[in-house]
N, C-alpha and C. Protein backbone atom coordinates (compact mmCIF):
# COMPACT_ATOMS: atom_id res chain seq x y z
N MET A 1 -72.50 90.00 162.56
CA MET A 1 -72.68 91.37 162.15
C MET A 1 -73.62 91.43 160.95
N ASN A 2 -74.52 92.39 160.95
CA ASN A 2 -75.44 92.61 159.85
C ASN A 2 -74.79 93.59 158.88
N ILE A 3 -74.32 93.11 157.75
CA ILE A 3 -73.62 93.93 156.76
C ILE A 3 -74.46 95.11 156.30
N TYR A 4 -75.78 94.97 156.27
CA TYR A 4 -76.65 96.03 155.77
C TYR A 4 -76.65 97.26 156.69
N GLN A 5 -76.19 97.11 157.95
CA GLN A 5 -76.05 98.26 158.84
C GLN A 5 -74.96 99.21 158.33
N LEU A 6 -74.04 98.69 157.55
CA LEU A 6 -72.93 99.48 157.03
C LEU A 6 -73.19 100.06 155.64
N LEU A 7 -74.27 99.64 155.02
CA LEU A 7 -74.55 100.03 153.64
C LEU A 7 -75.68 101.06 153.57
N PRO A 8 -75.71 101.87 152.52
CA PRO A 8 -76.76 102.89 152.38
C PRO A 8 -78.07 102.36 151.79
N PHE A 9 -78.25 101.05 151.83
CA PHE A 9 -79.49 100.43 151.35
C PHE A 9 -79.76 99.18 152.17
N SER A 10 -81.01 98.78 152.20
CA SER A 10 -81.41 97.59 152.95
C SER A 10 -81.38 96.35 152.06
N GLN A 11 -81.53 95.21 152.67
CA GLN A 11 -81.60 93.97 151.90
C GLN A 11 -82.81 94.01 150.98
N ALA A 12 -83.92 94.56 151.46
CA ALA A 12 -85.13 94.68 150.63
C ALA A 12 -84.87 95.60 149.44
N ASP A 13 -84.15 96.71 149.66
CA ASP A 13 -83.80 97.62 148.55
C ASP A 13 -82.97 96.89 147.50
N LEU A 14 -81.99 96.14 147.94
CA LEU A 14 -81.11 95.41 147.02
C LEU A 14 -81.91 94.38 146.22
N THR A 15 -82.78 93.67 146.89
CA THR A 15 -83.62 92.67 146.23
C THR A 15 -84.53 93.32 145.20
N GLU A 16 -85.14 94.44 145.57
CA GLU A 16 -86.03 95.15 144.63
C GLU A 16 -85.24 95.68 143.44
N ALA A 17 -84.09 96.28 143.68
CA ALA A 17 -83.26 96.82 142.60
C ALA A 17 -82.82 95.71 141.65
N ALA A 18 -82.41 94.58 142.19
CA ALA A 18 -81.97 93.46 141.37
C ALA A 18 -83.13 92.95 140.50
N GLY A 19 -84.33 92.93 141.04
CA GLY A 19 -85.50 92.52 140.25
C GLY A 19 -85.76 93.46 139.09
N VAL A 20 -85.63 94.76 139.32
CA VAL A 20 -85.80 95.74 138.25
C VAL A 20 -84.75 95.53 137.17
N VAL A 21 -83.50 95.29 137.59
CA VAL A 21 -82.42 95.07 136.61
C VAL A 21 -82.70 93.83 135.77
N ARG A 22 -83.14 92.75 136.39
CA ARG A 22 -83.44 91.53 135.63
C ARG A 22 -84.58 91.75 134.63
N ARG A 23 -85.65 92.43 135.06
CA ARG A 23 -86.77 92.70 134.14
C ARG A 23 -86.33 93.62 133.01
N PHE A 24 -85.53 94.63 133.33
CA PHE A 24 -85.04 95.54 132.29
C PHE A 24 -84.20 94.77 131.28
N CYS A 25 -83.25 93.99 131.74
CA CYS A 25 -82.35 93.26 130.83
C CYS A 25 -83.12 92.33 129.91
N SER A 26 -84.12 91.66 130.46
CA SER A 26 -84.94 90.78 129.63
C SER A 26 -85.65 91.58 128.54
N GLY A 27 -86.22 92.72 128.90
CA GLY A 27 -86.89 93.57 127.91
C GLY A 27 -85.93 94.18 126.92
N TYR A 28 -84.77 94.58 127.40
CA TYR A 28 -83.75 95.22 126.56
C TYR A 28 -83.28 94.27 125.46
N ALA A 29 -83.12 93.00 125.78
CA ALA A 29 -82.57 92.02 124.83
C ALA A 29 -83.66 91.27 124.05
N THR A 30 -84.93 91.64 124.24
CA THR A 30 -86.04 90.98 123.56
C THR A 30 -86.69 91.97 122.61
N TYR A 31 -86.85 91.57 121.35
CA TYR A 31 -87.50 92.45 120.36
C TYR A 31 -88.03 91.63 119.20
N SER A 32 -88.84 92.30 118.39
CA SER A 32 -89.36 91.71 117.16
C SER A 32 -89.32 92.76 116.06
N TYR A 33 -89.03 92.33 114.86
CA TYR A 33 -89.01 93.24 113.71
C TYR A 33 -90.37 93.90 113.48
N THR A 34 -91.42 93.33 114.05
CA THR A 34 -92.76 93.88 113.85
C THR A 34 -93.09 95.02 114.79
N GLU A 35 -92.27 95.27 115.79
CA GLU A 35 -92.60 96.31 116.75
C GLU A 35 -91.86 97.62 116.48
N SER A 36 -92.52 98.69 116.81
CA SER A 36 -91.94 100.03 116.66
C SER A 36 -91.00 100.31 117.83
N ALA A 37 -90.24 101.38 117.70
CA ALA A 37 -89.38 101.81 118.80
C ALA A 37 -90.22 102.13 120.04
N GLY A 38 -91.38 102.74 119.82
CA GLY A 38 -92.26 103.07 120.94
C GLY A 38 -92.75 101.84 121.67
N SER A 39 -93.08 100.79 120.93
CA SER A 39 -93.53 99.54 121.53
C SER A 39 -92.39 98.86 122.28
N TYR A 40 -91.23 98.83 121.65
CA TYR A 40 -90.04 98.23 122.28
C TYR A 40 -89.74 98.91 123.61
N VAL A 41 -89.68 100.21 123.61
CA VAL A 41 -89.36 100.95 124.84
C VAL A 41 -90.54 100.92 125.81
N GLY A 42 -91.75 100.88 125.28
CA GLY A 42 -92.94 100.86 126.13
C GLY A 42 -92.94 99.73 127.15
N ARG A 43 -92.41 98.60 126.76
CA ARG A 43 -92.35 97.46 127.68
C ARG A 43 -91.44 97.73 128.87
N MET A 44 -90.51 98.65 128.69
CA MET A 44 -89.53 98.97 129.75
C MET A 44 -89.80 100.32 130.41
N ARG A 45 -90.82 101.03 129.97
CA ARG A 45 -91.05 102.42 130.38
C ARG A 45 -90.99 102.60 131.90
N SER A 46 -91.62 101.75 132.67
CA SER A 46 -91.63 101.93 134.13
C SER A 46 -90.30 101.54 134.77
N LEU A 47 -89.44 100.88 134.02
CA LEU A 47 -88.18 100.38 134.57
C LEU A 47 -87.00 101.31 134.30
N VAL A 48 -87.18 102.30 133.41
CA VAL A 48 -86.07 103.16 132.99
C VAL A 48 -86.42 104.63 133.17
N THR A 49 -85.38 105.46 133.28
CA THR A 49 -85.59 106.90 133.34
C THR A 49 -86.06 107.39 131.98
N SER A 50 -86.66 108.56 131.94
CA SER A 50 -87.13 109.10 130.67
C SER A 50 -85.96 109.36 129.72
N GLU A 51 -84.80 109.74 130.27
CA GLU A 51 -83.62 109.97 129.43
C GLU A 51 -83.16 108.67 128.77
N LEU A 52 -83.11 107.59 129.53
CA LEU A 52 -82.69 106.32 128.95
C LEU A 52 -83.74 105.81 127.96
N ALA A 53 -85.02 106.01 128.26
CA ALA A 53 -86.07 105.60 127.33
C ALA A 53 -85.89 106.29 125.97
N ALA A 54 -85.57 107.58 126.00
CA ALA A 54 -85.37 108.32 124.75
C ALA A 54 -84.16 107.78 123.99
N THR A 55 -83.09 107.47 124.70
CA THR A 55 -81.89 106.92 124.06
C THR A 55 -82.18 105.55 123.45
N LEU A 56 -82.87 104.70 124.19
CA LEU A 56 -83.19 103.37 123.69
C LEU A 56 -84.08 103.44 122.45
N ALA A 57 -85.06 104.33 122.47
CA ALA A 57 -85.95 104.48 121.31
C ALA A 57 -85.16 104.96 120.09
N GLN A 58 -84.28 105.92 120.29
CA GLN A 58 -83.46 106.44 119.20
C GLN A 58 -82.56 105.34 118.64
N ASP A 59 -81.93 104.59 119.52
CA ASP A 59 -81.05 103.50 119.09
C ASP A 59 -81.82 102.42 118.34
N TYR A 60 -82.99 102.07 118.84
CA TYR A 60 -83.81 101.01 118.21
C TYR A 60 -84.25 101.42 116.81
N ALA A 61 -84.50 102.72 116.62
CA ALA A 61 -85.00 103.22 115.35
C ALA A 61 -83.90 103.64 114.38
N THR A 62 -82.63 103.47 114.74
CA THR A 62 -81.53 103.85 113.85
C THR A 62 -81.76 103.20 112.48
N ALA A 63 -81.72 104.03 111.45
CA ALA A 63 -82.14 103.62 110.10
C ALA A 63 -81.54 102.29 109.63
N GLY A 64 -80.25 102.15 109.60
CA GLY A 64 -79.62 100.93 109.08
C GLY A 64 -79.95 99.71 109.92
N VAL A 65 -79.98 99.88 111.23
CA VAL A 65 -80.28 98.77 112.14
C VAL A 65 -81.74 98.35 111.99
N ALA A 66 -82.64 99.32 112.00
CA ALA A 66 -84.07 99.01 111.89
C ALA A 66 -84.39 98.37 110.54
N GLN A 67 -83.77 98.87 109.48
CA GLN A 67 -84.02 98.32 108.15
C GLN A 67 -83.55 96.87 108.06
N THR A 68 -82.38 96.58 108.59
CA THR A 68 -81.86 95.21 108.59
C THR A 68 -82.76 94.30 109.42
N ARG A 69 -83.19 94.79 110.58
CA ARG A 69 -84.07 94.00 111.45
C ARG A 69 -85.35 93.62 110.71
N THR A 70 -85.92 94.57 109.97
CA THR A 70 -87.15 94.32 109.23
C THR A 70 -86.91 93.41 108.03
N GLN A 71 -85.89 93.70 107.24
CA GLN A 71 -85.60 92.90 106.05
C GLN A 71 -85.32 91.44 106.39
N GLN A 72 -84.64 91.21 107.49
CA GLN A 72 -84.27 89.85 107.87
C GLN A 72 -85.29 89.22 108.82
N LYS A 73 -86.35 89.95 109.10
CA LYS A 73 -87.41 89.47 110.01
C LYS A 73 -86.80 88.93 111.30
N GLN A 74 -86.01 89.77 111.95
CA GLN A 74 -85.30 89.37 113.16
C GLN A 74 -86.20 89.45 114.40
N THR A 75 -86.06 88.46 115.23
CA THR A 75 -86.66 88.47 116.55
C THR A 75 -85.59 88.03 117.53
N ALA A 76 -85.74 88.45 118.77
CA ALA A 76 -84.76 88.05 119.78
C ALA A 76 -85.46 87.89 121.12
N THR A 77 -84.95 86.96 121.89
CA THR A 77 -85.41 86.74 123.25
C THR A 77 -84.20 86.81 124.16
N GLY A 78 -84.31 87.60 125.21
CA GLY A 78 -83.15 87.79 126.08
C GLY A 78 -83.42 87.44 127.53
N SER A 79 -82.35 87.20 128.22
CA SER A 79 -82.39 86.96 129.66
C SER A 79 -81.07 87.45 130.24
N CYS A 80 -81.00 87.51 131.55
CA CYS A 80 -79.74 87.95 132.15
C CYS A 80 -79.53 87.29 133.50
N ALA A 81 -78.29 87.29 133.88
CA ALA A 81 -77.90 86.83 135.22
C ALA A 81 -77.04 87.92 135.84
N ILE A 82 -77.37 88.31 137.04
CA ILE A 82 -76.55 89.28 137.76
C ILE A 82 -75.34 88.54 138.30
N THR A 83 -74.16 89.07 138.01
CA THR A 83 -72.93 88.39 138.44
C THR A 83 -72.21 89.10 139.57
N ALA A 84 -72.45 90.40 139.74
CA ALA A 84 -71.75 91.14 140.81
C ALA A 84 -72.40 92.49 141.01
N LEU A 85 -72.09 93.08 142.14
CA LEU A 85 -72.43 94.46 142.41
C LEU A 85 -71.13 95.23 142.30
N ARG A 86 -71.02 96.05 141.26
CA ARG A 86 -69.75 96.75 140.97
C ARG A 86 -69.56 97.97 141.86
N ALA A 87 -70.62 98.74 142.03
CA ALA A 87 -70.50 99.99 142.79
C ALA A 87 -71.85 100.32 143.42
N PHE A 88 -71.79 101.11 144.49
CA PHE A 88 -73.03 101.58 145.10
C PHE A 88 -72.79 102.91 145.78
N GLY A 89 -73.87 103.65 145.91
CA GLY A 89 -73.86 104.92 146.60
C GLY A 89 -75.16 105.05 147.36
N ALA A 90 -75.41 106.23 147.88
CA ALA A 90 -76.61 106.46 148.67
C ALA A 90 -77.89 106.24 147.87
N SER A 91 -77.84 106.51 146.56
CA SER A 91 -79.07 106.40 145.77
C SER A 91 -78.87 105.69 144.44
N SER A 92 -77.76 104.98 144.27
CA SER A 92 -77.56 104.24 143.02
C SER A 92 -76.75 102.98 143.25
N LEU A 93 -76.96 102.02 142.37
CA LEU A 93 -76.25 100.74 142.39
C LEU A 93 -75.84 100.41 140.97
N THR A 94 -74.67 99.84 140.80
CA THR A 94 -74.26 99.37 139.47
C THR A 94 -74.03 97.87 139.56
N PHE A 95 -74.83 97.14 138.80
CA PHE A 95 -74.75 95.69 138.75
C PHE A 95 -73.98 95.27 137.51
N LEU A 96 -73.20 94.22 137.62
CA LEU A 96 -72.63 93.57 136.45
C LEU A 96 -73.56 92.42 136.10
N VAL A 97 -73.91 92.32 134.82
CA VAL A 97 -74.82 91.28 134.36
C VAL A 97 -74.24 90.60 133.12
N THR A 98 -74.61 89.37 132.94
CA THR A 98 -74.35 88.68 131.68
C THR A 98 -75.68 88.57 130.97
N LEU A 99 -75.77 89.26 129.83
CA LEU A 99 -76.97 89.24 129.00
C LEU A 99 -76.84 88.13 127.98
N SER A 100 -77.86 87.31 127.87
CA SER A 100 -77.89 86.26 126.86
C SER A 100 -79.05 86.55 125.91
N GLN A 101 -78.81 86.32 124.63
CA GLN A 101 -79.82 86.64 123.63
C GLN A 101 -79.83 85.58 122.54
N LYS A 102 -81.03 85.09 122.25
CA LYS A 102 -81.21 84.16 121.14
C LYS A 102 -81.93 84.93 120.03
N THR A 103 -81.26 85.07 118.88
CA THR A 103 -81.79 85.83 117.76
C THR A 103 -82.14 84.87 116.62
N SER A 104 -83.29 85.12 116.00
CA SER A 104 -83.70 84.36 114.82
C SER A 104 -83.94 85.32 113.67
N SER A 105 -83.54 84.89 112.48
CA SER A 105 -83.75 85.69 111.27
C SER A 105 -84.34 84.80 110.20
N THR A 106 -85.25 85.37 109.42
CA THR A 106 -85.82 84.68 108.27
C THR A 106 -85.76 85.64 107.09
N PRO A 107 -84.61 85.73 106.43
CA PRO A 107 -84.49 86.64 105.29
C PRO A 107 -85.34 86.16 104.12
N GLN A 108 -85.29 86.89 103.02
CA GLN A 108 -86.12 86.59 101.86
C GLN A 108 -85.93 85.17 101.33
N SER A 109 -84.80 84.58 101.61
CA SER A 109 -84.57 83.20 101.15
C SER A 109 -85.52 82.22 101.83
N GLY A 110 -86.09 82.63 102.98
CA GLY A 110 -87.05 81.79 103.68
C GLY A 110 -86.42 80.82 104.66
N THR A 111 -85.11 80.76 104.72
CA THR A 111 -84.43 79.85 105.63
C THR A 111 -84.18 80.56 106.96
N THR A 112 -84.75 80.02 108.01
CA THR A 112 -84.59 80.61 109.34
C THR A 112 -83.26 80.20 109.94
N THR A 113 -82.55 81.18 110.47
CA THR A 113 -81.30 80.91 111.17
C THR A 113 -81.43 81.43 112.60
N ALA A 114 -80.76 80.76 113.50
CA ALA A 114 -80.77 81.17 114.91
C ALA A 114 -79.34 81.35 115.37
N HIS A 115 -79.18 82.28 116.28
CA HIS A 115 -77.87 82.59 116.81
C HIS A 115 -78.03 82.94 118.29
N THR A 116 -77.16 82.42 119.11
CA THR A 116 -77.16 82.74 120.53
C THR A 116 -75.87 83.44 120.88
N ALA A 117 -75.99 84.53 121.64
CA ALA A 117 -74.81 85.29 122.04
C ALA A 117 -75.00 85.78 123.47
N SER A 118 -73.89 86.10 124.10
CA SER A 118 -73.97 86.69 125.43
C SER A 118 -72.86 87.71 125.58
N GLY A 119 -73.05 88.62 126.51
CA GLY A 119 -72.07 89.66 126.77
C GLY A 119 -72.22 90.19 128.18
N ASP A 120 -71.17 90.80 128.66
CA ASP A 120 -71.17 91.34 130.02
C ASP A 120 -71.42 92.84 129.98
N TYR A 121 -72.34 93.29 130.80
CA TYR A 121 -72.75 94.69 130.84
C TYR A 121 -72.76 95.21 132.27
N ALA A 122 -72.63 96.52 132.39
CA ALA A 122 -72.81 97.21 133.66
C ALA A 122 -74.12 97.98 133.56
N VAL A 123 -75.01 97.75 134.50
CA VAL A 123 -76.32 98.39 134.51
C VAL A 123 -76.42 99.22 135.79
N THR A 124 -76.61 100.52 135.61
CA THR A 124 -76.73 101.41 136.77
C THR A 124 -78.20 101.73 136.99
N ILE A 125 -78.58 101.65 138.24
CA ILE A 125 -79.97 101.86 138.64
C ILE A 125 -79.98 102.91 139.75
N ALA A 126 -80.95 103.81 139.69
CA ALA A 126 -81.03 104.89 140.67
C ALA A 126 -82.39 104.87 141.37
N ARG A 127 -82.37 105.31 142.61
CA ARG A 127 -83.61 105.43 143.36
C ARG A 127 -84.48 106.48 142.70
N SER A 128 -85.76 106.14 142.51
CA SER A 128 -86.70 107.05 141.86
C SER A 128 -88.00 107.00 142.64
N GLY A 129 -88.28 108.04 143.39
CA GLY A 129 -89.48 108.02 144.23
C GLY A 129 -89.38 106.90 145.23
N SER A 130 -90.31 105.99 145.18
CA SER A 130 -90.30 104.87 146.12
C SER A 130 -89.73 103.60 145.51
N GLY A 131 -89.16 103.71 144.30
CA GLY A 131 -88.63 102.51 143.65
C GLY A 131 -87.29 102.77 143.01
N TRP A 132 -86.99 102.00 141.96
CA TRP A 132 -85.72 102.06 141.26
C TRP A 132 -85.97 102.15 139.77
N GLN A 133 -85.08 102.86 139.05
CA GLN A 133 -85.14 102.91 137.60
C GLN A 133 -83.73 102.82 137.03
N VAL A 134 -83.60 102.08 135.94
CA VAL A 134 -82.32 101.97 135.25
C VAL A 134 -82.04 103.29 134.55
N ASN A 135 -80.81 103.79 134.72
CA ASN A 135 -80.47 105.04 134.03
C ASN A 135 -79.26 104.91 133.11
N ASP A 136 -78.65 103.70 133.05
CA ASP A 136 -77.53 103.52 132.14
C ASP A 136 -77.24 102.04 131.95
N ILE A 137 -76.81 101.71 130.74
CA ILE A 137 -76.31 100.37 130.43
C ILE A 137 -75.13 100.56 129.48
N GLN A 138 -74.05 99.88 129.80
CA GLN A 138 -72.83 99.93 128.98
C GLN A 138 -72.17 98.56 129.03
N LEU A 139 -71.29 98.34 128.06
CA LEU A 139 -70.45 97.15 128.15
C LEU A 139 -69.69 97.21 129.47
N ALA A 140 -69.56 96.10 130.14
CA ALA A 140 -68.88 96.08 131.43
C ALA A 140 -67.44 96.57 131.30
N SER A 141 -66.83 96.31 130.18
CA SER A 141 -65.44 96.73 129.97
C SER A 141 -65.31 98.24 129.78
N ALA A 142 -66.43 98.95 129.55
CA ALA A 142 -66.37 100.39 129.32
C ALA A 142 -66.35 101.19 130.61
N GLY A 143 -66.57 100.54 131.73
CA GLY A 143 -66.57 101.26 133.00
C GLY A 143 -67.93 101.26 133.62
N ASN A 144 -68.55 102.44 133.75
CA ASN A 144 -69.89 102.59 134.34
C ASN A 144 -69.89 102.31 135.82
N SER A 145 -69.00 102.94 136.53
CA SER A 145 -69.00 102.76 137.98
C SER A 145 -69.29 104.06 138.69
C-alpha cells in the first residue's frame, strides 16, 4: 500500500517541506553580533511568512538581548535534525526538530568561551503558493499542533 494515497500531501511535498524546515532552523539558530535584525531575518525571508519574519526581527532586536549579544561579541552556528512529524493537515505540517547551537562569546576580558546547547522545538510550515513557508516555532513542550 502507498501510504501517500491516504495523506493530503505527496512524498515530494513532504521532502520539500522538510528541506525548508532544515534551512529555516539553521538560519534561526545562526547569528552574529555584527548583524542587524534585518540582516538576520533577511537570510530566512523566503522561508518564513511575513508575520513570522516580523516577530523574529522584533525578538532579535529586543534591547537587553541585543545589547548583551553586542557587548559579549556573541556568534552562533546552528543546525537541526527532524525527529518526527507531529501533525498534518491539508495545507500545513508540524515537524518536531532538535535544534543544536554552538555559541561563542568574547567579552571585554578578551577570553573566548564556547557553549553548545540543544533543544526540542515544534516547527509549523504552511503551503504558500507553490512552496512552503514556516509560520511558527515553539518549544516542543508548548504544543504547536
